[in-house]
Protein backbone atom coordinates (compact mmCIF):
# COMPACT_ATOMS: atom_id res chain seq x y z
CA MET A 1 65.87 -95.11 22.64
CA ARG A 2 68.18 -92.16 22.53
CA ARG A 3 66.79 -88.84 22.21
CA GLU A 4 68.14 -85.57 21.08
CA ILE A 5 67.49 -81.84 20.70
CA PHE A 6 69.93 -80.48 18.10
CA VAL A 7 70.84 -77.10 18.50
CA GLN A 8 73.05 -74.72 16.67
CA HIS A 9 76.25 -73.27 19.24
CA ARG A 10 75.44 -69.59 18.72
CA ILE A 11 72.45 -70.26 20.45
CA LEU A 12 73.42 -73.09 22.12
CA SER A 13 74.54 -70.00 25.84
CA ALA A 14 70.35 -69.50 25.18
CA VAL A 15 68.92 -72.54 25.83
CA THR A 16 67.82 -72.43 29.65
CA ARG A 17 66.00 -75.73 29.60
CA VAL A 18 65.33 -79.05 27.83
CA GLU A 19 62.58 -81.45 28.37
CA PHE A 20 61.15 -85.06 26.96
CA VAL A 21 58.04 -85.21 28.11
CA SER A 22 56.79 -88.46 26.49
CA ALA A 23 58.57 -90.75 23.59
CA GLY A 24 57.69 -88.42 21.04
CA MET A 25 56.78 -85.08 22.79
CA SER A 26 59.52 -83.04 23.92
CA TYR A 27 60.82 -79.06 24.41
CA ILE A 28 63.05 -76.33 24.63
CA ALA A 29 63.38 -73.49 26.63
CA LEU A 30 65.47 -70.68 25.36
CA ARG A 31 66.11 -67.29 27.49
CA VAL A 32 66.58 -64.46 24.40
CA ARG A 33 66.68 -60.55 24.84
CA TRP A 34 63.13 -59.28 25.28
CA CYS A 35 61.65 -62.83 26.08
CA ASN A 36 61.41 -66.31 26.97
CA ILE A 37 60.77 -69.06 24.00
CA ILE A 38 59.42 -72.42 24.45
CA VAL A 39 58.80 -74.76 21.72
CA LEU A 40 57.33 -77.53 21.99
CA ASN A 41 57.65 -80.70 19.83
CA VAL A 42 55.01 -82.79 19.43
CA PRO A 43 54.31 -86.13 17.61
CA ALA A 44 51.75 -86.16 14.55
CA PRO A 45 48.69 -88.22 15.82
CA THR A 46 48.00 -89.85 11.97
CA LYS A 47 45.08 -90.36 10.07
CA GLY A 48 44.28 -93.75 10.96
CA LYS A 49 44.67 -93.87 14.81
CA CYS A 50 41.71 -94.01 16.69
CA GLY A 51 40.22 -91.11 18.11
CA GLU A 52 41.27 -92.26 21.84
CA SER A 53 44.45 -92.70 20.45
CA LYS A 54 44.59 -89.37 19.64
CA ASP A 55 42.65 -87.68 22.96
CA ARG A 56 45.58 -88.78 24.62
CA ILE A 57 47.90 -87.34 22.41
CA TYR A 58 45.73 -83.63 22.83
CA GLU A 59 45.21 -84.22 26.22
CA GLU A 60 49.21 -84.65 27.05
CA LEU A 61 50.07 -81.69 24.62
CA GLU A 62 47.17 -79.68 27.34
CA HIS A 63 48.63 -81.04 30.26
CA THR A 64 52.21 -79.77 28.99
CA PHE A 65 51.25 -76.89 27.42
CA ASP A 66 49.41 -75.56 31.47
CA HIS A 67 52.78 -76.30 33.22
CA PHE A 68 54.66 -73.68 31.17
CA PRO A 69 54.76 -69.38 32.38
CA LYS A 70 52.13 -67.61 30.80
CA TYR A 71 54.33 -64.89 29.87
CA HIS A 72 56.41 -67.01 28.15
CA MET A 73 56.22 -66.75 24.12
CA LYS A 74 54.78 -70.58 22.46
CA ILE A 75 55.90 -72.22 19.75
CA LEU A 76 54.27 -75.42 18.88
CA TYR A 77 55.80 -77.36 15.95
CA GLY A 78 55.47 -80.87 14.65
CA ASP A 79 53.07 -83.00 11.71
CA PHE A 80 49.27 -82.48 12.87
CA ASN A 81 48.37 -84.81 10.06
CA ALA A 82 45.63 -81.99 9.40
CA THR A 83 44.41 -80.32 6.19
CA MET A 84 42.20 -77.52 5.91
CA GLY A 85 39.39 -76.38 5.07
CA ARG A 86 36.72 -73.56 4.08
CA GLU A 87 34.39 -73.83 7.46
CA ASP A 88 32.99 -70.72 8.31
CA VAL A 89 33.38 -71.02 11.90
CA PHE A 90 37.30 -70.77 11.50
CA LYS A 91 37.22 -67.75 9.59
CA PRO A 92 37.99 -65.29 12.75
CA THR A 93 40.71 -67.62 13.67
CA ILE A 94 42.50 -69.00 9.90
CA GLY A 95 40.56 -66.97 6.95
CA ASN A 96 39.18 -69.16 4.43
CA ARG A 97 42.25 -69.12 2.38
CA SER A 98 43.11 -73.36 1.16
CA LEU A 99 42.32 -75.01 -1.73
CA LEU A 100 39.95 -77.73 0.32
CA GLN A 101 36.23 -77.25 1.36
CA GLU A 102 36.27 -79.23 4.44
CA SER A 103 38.93 -80.12 7.09
CA SER A 104 40.11 -82.60 8.44
CA ASN A 105 39.53 -84.17 11.96
CA ASN A 106 43.32 -83.53 13.15
CA TYR A 107 43.05 -80.48 12.13
CA VAL A 108 40.11 -79.27 13.76
CA ARG A 109 41.50 -81.44 17.20
CA ILE A 110 44.37 -78.78 16.57
CA ILE A 111 43.07 -75.14 16.07
CA ASN A 112 40.44 -76.54 19.31
CA PHE A 113 43.57 -76.87 20.71
CA VAL A 114 45.15 -73.78 19.52
CA THR A 115 42.24 -71.31 20.40
CA SER A 116 40.97 -72.32 24.00
């Protein structure tokens, strides 16, 4: 299997590390002027997948995140197949600007991960 990360030539000198964690998960670490940035690409847990399969993806995500230095800026990138609702419990984190009333299970998972 061939895996690639494309980087614009202007920022190539800022790349300090590229790692393919699993078949879908990868990250690139950058050293920029004022900080270090890690961009983590995560595979999408589709709506049709079972809860156990989604649990494995989030466990792998947590395990990978735990190994990053705390002081690095982290950007989580991916299509999480999540729909945002207007539940009161999420208002302090994301507000209530949604067209939908209820969040999907995938959305609850990603919010729980991000807030932890």
